[in-house]
Amino acid sequence: MVHKDTVVVLELYWQAGINEYWLVDVRGERPRFDILRRGATHYVSTRKQAGWVKSNVFGRSCQLTQQADALGHPEFTLEMR
C-alpha cells in the first residue's frame, strides 16, 4: 500500500473523527482487505475470523474475494453477512 493511504489519509481521517477506515490492496497474489477502527489514540486493526472482518459502522461482517473472469482478469467481490 502506498504511503498516502497508510499514513497521510489515515491521519486526516483520524483528525476528522471517522470511526472506521477501510484499506484495500489488490496488487498482490491475494487481495488485502482490512478494517481499522478508531481506538483511543489511533486506528487499530479489526481482527479477522475465518477471513471475515466485522464493520461496526455497518454492523455486518465483510470479506473481499477474488475470482477470474472469462478472460482470466481478476474480479473482486465484497461479500457481507
PDB file of N, CA and C in Angstrom:
ATOM      1  N   MET A   1       0.844  -1.176   0.000  1.00  0.00           N
ATOM      2  CA  MET A   1       0.000   0.000   0.000  1.00  0.00           C
ATOM      3  C   MET A   1       0.885   1.233   0.000  1.00  0.00           C
ATOM      4  N   VAL A   2       0.393   2.240  -0.549  1.00  0.00           N
ATOM      5  CA  VAL A   2       1.205   3.451  -0.678  1.00  0.00           C
ATOM      6  C   VAL A   2       1.135   4.305   0.582  1.00  0.00           C
ATOM      7  N   HIS A   3       2.168   5.102   0.756  1.00  0.00           N
ATOM      8  CA  HIS A   3       2.314   5.971   1.916  1.00  0.00           C
ATOM      9  C   HIS A   3       1.086   6.869   2.111  1.00  0.00           C
ATOM     10  N   LYS A   4       0.558   7.377   1.027  1.00  0.00           N
ATOM     11  CA  LYS A   4      -0.599   8.288   1.112  1.00  0.00           C
ATOM     12  C   LYS A   4      -1.773   7.631   1.833  1.00  0.00           C
ATOM     13  N   ASP A   5      -2.089   6.380   1.475  1.00  0.00           N
ATOM     14  CA  ASP A   5      -3.242   5.696   2.059  1.00  0.00           C
ATOM     15  C   ASP A   5      -3.005   5.214   3.482  1.00  0.00           C
ATOM     16  N   THR A   6      -1.766   4.817   3.779  1.00  0.00           N
ATOM     17  CA  THR A   6      -1.497   4.215   5.081  1.00  0.00           C
ATOM     18  C   THR A   6      -1.002   5.200   6.129  1.00  0.00           C
ATOM     19  N   VAL A   7      -0.633   6.406   5.697  1.00  0.00           N
ATOM     20  CA  VAL A   7      -0.148   7.398   6.651  1.00  0.00           C
ATOM     21  C   VAL A   7      -0.914   8.715   6.519  1.00  0.00           C
ATOM     22  N   VAL A   8      -0.842   9.333   5.357  1.00  0.00           N
ATOM     23  CA  VAL A   8      -1.397  10.675   5.169  1.00  0.00           C
ATOM     24  C   VAL A   8      -2.913  10.689   5.338  1.00  0.00           C
ATOM     25  N   VAL A   9      -3.617   9.921   4.540  1.00  0.00           N
ATOM     26  CA  VAL A   9      -5.085   9.911   4.599  1.00  0.00           C
ATOM     27  C   VAL A   9      -5.563   9.332   5.929  1.00  0.00           C
ATOM     28  N   LEU A  10      -4.866   8.333   6.420  1.00  0.00           N
ATOM     29  CA  LEU A  10      -5.216   7.730   7.713  1.00  0.00           C
ATOM     30  C   LEU A  10      -5.218   8.797   8.806  1.00  0.00           C
ATOM     31  N   GLU A  11      -4.198   9.640   8.846  1.00  0.00           N
ATOM     32  CA  GLU A  11      -4.114  10.691   9.849  1.00  0.00           C
ATOM     33  C   GLU A  11      -5.216  11.734   9.653  1.00  0.00           C
ATOM     34  N   LEU A  12      -5.504  12.089   8.406  1.00  0.00           N
ATOM     35  CA  LEU A  12      -6.565  13.061   8.136  1.00  0.00           C
ATOM     36  C   LEU A  12      -7.930  12.529   8.574  1.00  0.00           C
ATOM     37  N   TYR A  13      -8.184  11.246   8.316  1.00  0.00           N
ATOM     38  CA  TYR A  13      -9.448  10.646   8.751  1.00  0.00           C
ATOM     39  C   TYR A  13      -9.532  10.624  10.272  1.00  0.00           C
ATOM     40  N   TRP A  14      -8.400  10.322  10.940  1.00  0.00           N
ATOM     41  CA  TRP A  14      -8.373  10.314  12.407  1.00  0.00           C
ATOM     42  C   TRP A  14      -8.746  11.703  12.933  1.00  0.00           C
ATOM     43  N   GLN A  15      -8.115  12.729  12.370  1.00  0.00           N
ATOM     44  CA  GLN A  15      -8.376  14.093  12.804  1.00  0.00           C
ATOM     45  C   GLN A  15      -9.828  14.501  12.555  1.00  0.00           C
ATOM     46  N   ALA A  16     -10.450  13.959  11.524  1.00  0.00           N
ATOM     47  CA  ALA A  16     -11.832  14.279  11.189  1.00  0.00           C
ATOM     48  C   ALA A  16     -12.836  13.488  12.028  1.00  0.00           C
ATOM     49  N   GLY A  17     -12.359  12.516  12.821  1.00  0.00           N
ATOM     50  CA  GLY A  17     -13.248  11.750  13.698  1.00  0.00           C
ATOM     51  C   GLY A  17     -13.951  10.591  13.025  1.00  0.00           C
ATOM     52  N   ILE A  18     -13.421  10.108  11.901  1.00  0.00           N
ATOM     53  CA  ILE A  18     -14.023   8.981  11.182  1.00  0.00           C
ATOM     54  C   ILE A  18     -13.846   7.706  12.009  1.00  0.00           C
ATOM     55  N   ASN A  19     -14.935   6.949  12.213  1.00  0.00           N
ATOM     56  CA  ASN A  19     -14.895   5.769  13.087  1.00  0.00           C
ATOM     57  C   ASN A  19     -14.215   4.554  12.478  1.00  0.00           C
ATOM     58  N   GLU A  20     -14.280   4.385  11.163  1.00  0.00           N
ATOM     59  CA  GLU A  20     -13.645   3.247  10.508  1.00  0.00           C
ATOM     60  C   GLU A  20     -12.892   3.719   9.274  1.00  0.00           C
ATOM     61  N   TYR A  21     -11.802   3.011   8.999  1.00  0.00           N
ATOM     62  CA  TYR A  21     -11.006   3.277   7.809  1.00  0.00           C
ATOM     63  C   TYR A  21     -10.759   1.940   7.142  1.00  0.00           C
ATOM     64  N   TRP A  22     -11.171   1.801   5.897  1.00  0.00           N
ATOM     65  CA  TRP A  22     -11.022   0.548   5.166  1.00  0.00           C
ATOM     66  C   TRP A  22      -9.821   0.652   4.238  1.00  0.00           C
ATOM     67  N   LEU A  23      -8.953  -0.339   4.289  1.00  0.00           N
ATOM     68  CA  LEU A  23      -7.800  -0.422   3.399  1.00  0.00           C
ATOM     69  C   LEU A  23      -7.961  -1.628   2.488  1.00  0.00           C
ATOM     70  N   VAL A  24      -7.847  -1.400   1.193  1.00  0.00           N
ATOM     71  CA  VAL A  24      -7.944  -2.472   0.197  1.00  0.00           C
ATOM     72  C   VAL A  24      -6.727  -2.369  -0.707  1.00  0.00           C
ATOM     73  N   ASP A  25      -6.020  -3.481  -0.876  1.00  0.00           N
ATOM     74  CA  ASP A  25      -4.870  -3.531  -1.776  1.00  0.00           C
ATOM     75  C   ASP A  25      -4.987  -4.813  -2.590  1.00  0.00           C
ATOM     76  N   VAL A  26      -5.179  -4.675  -3.889  1.00  0.00           N
ATOM     77  CA  VAL A  26      -5.380  -5.838  -4.756  1.00  0.00           C
ATOM     78  C   VAL A  26      -4.178  -6.078  -5.666  1.00  0.00           C
ATOM     79  N   ARG A  27      -3.040  -5.480  -5.356  1.00  0.00           N
ATOM     80  CA  ARG A  27      -1.868  -5.593  -6.233  1.00  0.00           C
ATOM     81  C   ARG A  27      -1.116  -6.908  -6.099  1.00  0.00           C
ATOM     82  N   GLY A  28      -1.269  -7.630  -5.007  1.00  0.00           N
ATOM     83  CA  GLY A  28      -0.512  -8.864  -4.802  1.00  0.00           C
ATOM     84  C   GLY A  28      -1.264 -10.097  -5.275  1.00  0.00           C
ATOM     85  N   GLU A  29      -0.757 -11.244  -4.876  1.00  0.00           N
ATOM     86  CA  GLU A  29      -1.386 -12.525  -5.217  1.00  0.00           C
ATOM     87  C   GLU A  29      -2.812 -12.617  -4.671  1.00  0.00           C
ATOM     88  N   ARG A  30      -2.973 -12.158  -3.446  1.00  0.00           N
ATOM     89  CA  ARG A  30      -4.289 -12.164  -2.791  1.00  0.00           C
ATOM     90  C   ARG A  30      -4.674 -10.737  -2.454  1.00  0.00           C
ATOM     91  N   PRO A  31      -5.962 -10.428  -2.544  1.00  0.00           N
ATOM     92  CA  PRO A  31      -6.362  -9.077  -2.147  1.00  0.00           C
ATOM     93  C   PRO A  31      -6.219  -8.907  -0.632  1.00  0.00           C
ATOM     94  N   ARG A  32      -5.810  -7.736  -0.231  1.00  0.00           N
ATOM     95  CA  ARG A  32      -5.721  -7.416   1.196  1.00  0.00           C
ATOM     96  C   ARG A  32      -6.875  -6.486   1.529  1.00  0.00           C
ATOM     97  N   PHE A  33      -7.602  -6.830   2.563  1.00  0.00           N
ATOM     98  CA  PHE A  33      -8.755  -6.042   2.989  1.00  0.00           C
ATOM     99  C   PHE A  33      -8.726  -5.946   4.504  1.00  0.00           C
ATOM    100  N   ASP A  34      -8.567  -4.733   5.009  1.00  0.00           N
ATOM    101  CA  ASP A  34      -8.512  -4.511   6.451  1.00  0.00           C
ATOM    102  C   ASP A  34      -9.491  -3.408   6.826  1.00  0.00           C
ATOM    103  N   ILE A  35     -10.118  -3.584   7.961  1.00  0.00           N
ATOM    104  CA  ILE A  35     -10.950  -2.527   8.534  1.00  0.00           C
ATOM    105  C   ILE A  35     -10.253  -2.075   9.813  1.00  0.00           C
ATOM    106  N   LEU A  36      -9.926  -0.792   9.844  1.00  0.00           N
ATOM    107  CA  LEU A  36      -9.302  -0.213  11.026  1.00  0.00           C
ATOM    108  C   LEU A  36     -10.368   0.571  11.780  1.00  0.00           C
ATOM    109  N   ARG A  37     -10.428   0.367  13.075  1.00  0.00           N
ATOM    110  CA  ARG A  37     -11.425   1.083  13.870  1.00  0.00           C
ATOM    111  C   ARG A  37     -10.722   2.102  14.751  1.00  0.00           C
ATOM    112  N   ARG A  38     -11.444   3.136  15.050  1.00  0.00           N
ATOM    113  CA  ARG A  38     -10.893   4.230  15.852  1.00  0.00           C
ATOM    114  C   ARG A  38     -10.692   3.759  17.290  1.00  0.00           C
ATOM    115  N   GLY A  39      -9.468   3.798  17.762  1.00  0.00           N
ATOM    116  CA  GLY A  39      -9.148   3.482  19.150  1.00  0.00           C
ATOM    117  C   GLY A  39      -8.996   4.771  19.939  1.00  0.00           C
ATOM    118  N   ALA A  40      -8.425   4.674  21.123  1.00  0.00           N
ATOM    119  CA  ALA A  40      -8.284   5.836  21.988  1.00  0.00           C
ATOM    120  C   ALA A  40      -7.327   6.889  21.420  1.00  0.00           C
ATOM    121  N   THR A  41      -6.252   6.432  20.770  1.00  0.00           N
ATOM    122  CA  THR A  41      -5.246   7.376  20.266  1.00  0.00           C
ATOM    123  C   THR A  41      -4.909   7.196  18.793  1.00  0.00           C
ATOM    124  N   HIS A  42      -5.361   6.105  18.182  1.00  0.00           N
ATOM    125  CA  HIS A  42      -5.065   5.838  16.775  1.00  0.00           C
ATOM    126  C   HIS A  42      -5.993   4.728  16.279  1.00  0.00           C
ATOM    127  N   TYR A  43      -5.929   4.435  14.996  1.00  0.00           N
ATOM    128  CA  TYR A  43      -6.716   3.334  14.438  1.00  0.00           C
ATOM    129  C   TYR A  43      -6.055   2.007  14.787  1.00  0.00           C
ATOM    130  N   VAL A  44      -6.888   1.003  15.054  1.00  0.00           N
ATOM    131  CA  VAL A  44      -6.394  -0.349  15.322  1.00  0.00           C
ATOM    132  C   VAL A  44      -7.077  -1.309  14.358  1.00  0.00           C
ATOM    133  N   SER A  45      -6.347  -2.328  13.960  1.00  0.00           N
ATOM    134  CA  SER A  45      -6.862  -3.309  13.015  1.00  0.00           C
ATOM    135  C   SER A  45      -7.931  -4.177  13.666  1.00  0.00           C
ATOM    136  N   THR A  46      -9.008  -4.421  12.942  1.00  0.00           N
ATOM    137  CA  THR A  46     -10.071  -5.303  13.412  1.00  0.00           C
ATOM    138  C   THR A  46      -9.659  -6.740  13.122  1.00  0.00           C
ATOM    139  N   ARG A  47      -9.790  -7.602  14.097  1.00  0.00           N
ATOM    140  CA  ARG A  47      -9.383  -8.996  13.947  1.00  0.00           C
ATOM    141  C   ARG A  47     -10.302  -9.736  12.974  1.00  0.00           C
ATOM    142  N   LYS A  48      -9.681 -10.523  12.110  1.00  0.00           N
ATOM    143  CA  LYS A  48     -10.442 -11.335  11.158  1.00  0.00           C
ATOM    144  C   LYS A  48     -10.769 -12.675  11.788  1.00  0.00           C
ATOM    145  N   GLN A  49     -11.936 -13.206  11.416  1.00  0.00           N
ATOM    146  CA  GLN A  49     -12.345 -14.531  11.861  1.00  0.00           C
ATOM    147  C   GLN A  49     -12.728 -15.332  10.634  1.00  0.00           C
ATOM    148  N   ALA A  50     -11.899 -16.334  10.307  1.00  0.00           N
ATOM    149  CA  ALA A  50     -12.108 -17.187   9.131  1.00  0.00           C
ATOM    150  C   ALA A  50     -12.237 -16.353   7.850  1.00  0.00           C
ATOM    151  N   GLY A  51     -11.418 -15.293   7.749  1.00  0.00           N
ATOM    152  CA  GLY A  51     -11.419 -14.466   6.553  1.00  0.00           C
ATOM    153  C   GLY A  51     -12.429 -13.332   6.559  1.00  0.00           C
ATOM    154  N   TRP A  52     -13.283 -13.281   7.561  1.00  0.00           N
ATOM    155  CA  TRP A  52     -14.306 -12.233   7.666  1.00  0.00           C
ATOM    156  C   TRP A  52     -13.864 -11.195   8.681  1.00  0.00           C
ATOM    157  N   VAL A  53     -14.214  -9.942   8.412  1.00  0.00           N
ATOM    158  CA  VAL A  53     -13.881  -8.850   9.330  1.00  0.00           C
ATOM    159  C   VAL A  53     -15.149  -8.021   9.545  1.00  0.00           C
ATOM    160  N   LYS A  54     -15.419  -7.685  10.810  1.00  0.00           N
ATOM    161  CA  LYS A  54     -16.676  -7.003  11.122  1.00  0.00           C
ATOM    162  C   LYS A  54     -16.542  -5.493  11.070  1.00  0.00           C
ATOM    163  N   SER A  55     -17.494  -4.869  10.411  1.00  0.00           N
ATOM    164  CA  SER A  55     -17.607  -3.419  10.380  1.00  0.00           C
ATOM    165  C   SER A  55     -18.582  -3.000  11.470  1.00  0.00           C
ATOM    166  N   ASN A  56     -18.125  -2.184  12.404  1.00  0.00           N
ATOM    167  CA  ASN A  56     -19.030  -1.664  13.427  1.00  0.00           C
ATOM    168  C   ASN A  56     -19.971  -0.619  12.849  1.00  0.00           C
ATOM    169  N   VAL A  57     -19.527   0.068  11.810  1.00  0.00           N
ATOM    170  CA  VAL A  57     -20.372   1.082  11.170  1.00  0.00           C
ATOM    171  C   VAL A  57     -21.591   0.435  10.515  1.00  0.00           C
ATOM    172  N   PHE A  58     -21.375  -0.660   9.782  1.00  0.00           N
ATOM    173  CA  PHE A  58     -22.476  -1.331   9.091  1.00  0.00           C
ATOM    174  C   PHE A  58     -23.113  -2.443   9.919  1.00  0.00           C
ATOM    175  N   GLY A  59     -22.443  -2.871  10.994  1.00  0.00           N
ATOM    176  CA  GLY A  59     -22.982  -3.936  11.832  1.00  0.00           C
ATOM    177  C   GLY A  59     -23.018  -5.280  11.132  1.00  0.00           C
ATOM    178  N   ARG A  60     -22.148  -5.469  10.156  1.00  0.00           N
ATOM    179  CA  ARG A  60     -22.093  -6.724   9.396  1.00  0.00           C
ATOM    180  C   ARG A  60     -20.635  -7.109   9.181  1.00  0.00           C
ATOM    181  N   SER A  61     -20.422  -8.390   8.918  1.00  0.00           N
ATOM    182  CA  SER A  61     -19.086  -8.873   8.599  1.00  0.00           C
ATOM    183  C   SER A  61     -18.883  -8.839   7.093  1.00  0.00           C
ATOM    184  N   CYS A  62     -17.645  -8.584   6.689  1.00  0.00           N
ATOM    185  CA  CYS A  62     -17.315  -8.422   5.272  1.00  0.00           C
ATOM    186  C   CYS A  62     -16.132  -9.306   4.913  1.00  0.00           C
ATOM    187  N   GLN A  63     -16.108  -9.688   3.634  1.00  0.00           N
ATOM    188  CA  GLN A  63     -14.992 -10.467   3.108  1.00  0.00           C
ATOM    189  C   GLN A  63     -14.791 -10.068   1.648  1.00  0.00           C
ATOM    190  N   LEU A  64     -13.548  -9.800   1.267  1.00  0.00           N
ATOM    191  CA  LEU A  64     -13.230  -9.480  -0.115  1.00  0.00           C
ATOM    192  C   LEU A  64     -12.688 -10.730  -0.782  1.00  0.00           C
ATOM    193  N   THR A  65     -13.321 -11.147  -1.869  1.00  0.00           N
ATOM    194  CA  THR A  65     -12.875 -12.336  -2.586  1.00  0.00           C
ATOM    195  C   THR A  65     -12.457 -11.969  -3.999  1.00  0.00           C
ATOM    196  N   GLN A  66     -11.629 -12.821  -4.573  1.00  0.00           N
ATOM    197  CA  GLN A  66     -11.132 -12.597  -5.928  1.00  0.00           C
ATOM    198  C   GLN A  66     -11.389 -13.836  -6.771  1.00  0.00           C
ATOM    199  N   GLN A  67     -11.905 -13.614  -7.973  1.00  0.00           N
ATOM    200  CA  GLN A  67     -12.086 -14.671  -8.954  1.00  0.00           C
ATOM    201  C   GLN A  67     -11.524 -14.157 -10.272  1.00  0.00           C
ATOM    202  N   ALA A  68     -11.449 -15.035 -11.252  1.00  0.00           N
ATOM    203  CA  ALA A  68     -11.027 -14.626 -12.589  1.00  0.00           C
ATOM    204  C   ALA A  68     -12.245 -14.607 -13.499  1.00  0.00           C
ATOM    205  N   ASP A  69     -12.308 -13.615 -14.382  1.00  0.00           N
ATOM    206  CA  ASP A  69     -13.393 -13.569 -15.361  1.00  0.00           C
ATOM    207  C   ASP A  69     -13.065 -14.518 -16.518  1.00  0.00           C
ATOM    208  N   ALA A  70     -13.896 -14.532 -17.539  1.00  0.00           N
ATOM    209  CA  ALA A  70     -13.730 -15.456 -18.670  1.00  0.00           C
ATOM    210  C   ALA A  70     -12.391 -15.265 -19.384  1.00  0.00           C
ATOM    211  N   LEU A  71     -11.833 -14.075 -19.315  1.00  0.00           N
ATOM    212  CA  LEU A  71     -10.551 -13.797 -19.969  1.00  0.00           C
ATOM    213  C   LEU A  71      -9.360 -13.943 -19.024  1.00  0.00           C
ATOM    214  N   GLY A  72      -9.633 -14.326 -17.783  1.00  0.00           N
ATOM    215  CA  GLY A  72      -8.572 -14.505 -16.802  1.00  0.00           C
ATOM    216  C   GLY A  72      -8.219 -13.254 -16.024  1.00  0.00           C
ATOM    217  N   HIS A  73      -8.963 -12.180 -16.222  1.00  0.00           N
ATOM    218  CA  HIS A  73      -8.727 -10.951 -15.471  1.00  0.00           C
ATOM    219  C   HIS A  73      -9.363 -11.058 -14.090  1.00  0.00           C
ATOM    220  N   PRO A  74      -8.740 -10.472 -13.087  1.00  0.00           N
ATOM    221  CA  PRO A  74      -9.298 -10.571 -11.733  1.00  0.00           C
ATOM    222  C   PRO A  74     -10.589  -9.768 -11.576  1.00  0.00           C
ATOM    223  N   GLU A  75     -11.515 -10.368 -10.840  1.00  0.00           N
ATOM    224  CA  GLU A  75     -12.759  -9.698 -10.432  1.00  0.00           C
ATOM    225  C   GLU A  75     -12.839  -9.805  -8.917  1.00  0.00           C
ATOM    226  N   PHE A  76     -13.289  -8.744  -8.300  1.00  0.00           N
ATOM    227  CA  PHE A  76     -13.353  -8.703  -6.841  1.00  0.00           C
ATOM    228  C   PHE A  76     -14.789  -8.513  -6.392  1.00  0.00           C
ATOM    229  N   THR A  77     -15.135  -9.197  -5.301  1.00  0.00           N
ATOM    230  CA  THR A  77     -16.476  -9.116  -4.746  1.00  0.00           C
ATOM    231  C   THR A  77     -16.366  -8.862  -3.248  1.00  0.00           C
ATOM    232  N   LEU A  78     -17.125  -7.883  -2.780  1.00  0.00           N
ATOM    233  CA  LEU A  78     -17.214  -7.650  -1.344  1.00  0.00           C
ATOM    234  C   LEU A  78     -18.482  -8.342  -0.870  1.00  0.00           C
ATOM    235  N   GLU A  79     -18.294  -9.394  -0.088  1.00  0.00           N
ATOM    236  CA  GLU A  79     -19.427 -10.143   0.458  1.00  0.00           C
ATOM    237  C   GLU A  79     -19.734  -9.603   1.844  1.00  0.00           C
ATOM    238  N   MET A  80     -21.017  -9.562   2.178  1.00  0.00           N
ATOM    239  CA  MET A  80     -21.428  -9.119   3.515  1.00  0.00           C
ATOM    240  C   MET A  80     -22.428 -10.116   4.080  1.00  0.00           C
ATOM    241  N   ARG A  81     -22.331 -10.327   5.371  1.00  0.00           N
ATOM    242  CA  ARG A  81     -23.295 -11.210   6.051  1.00  0.00           C
ATOM    243  C   ARG A  81     -23.633 -10.647   7.397  1.00  0.00           C
TER     244      ARG A  81
END
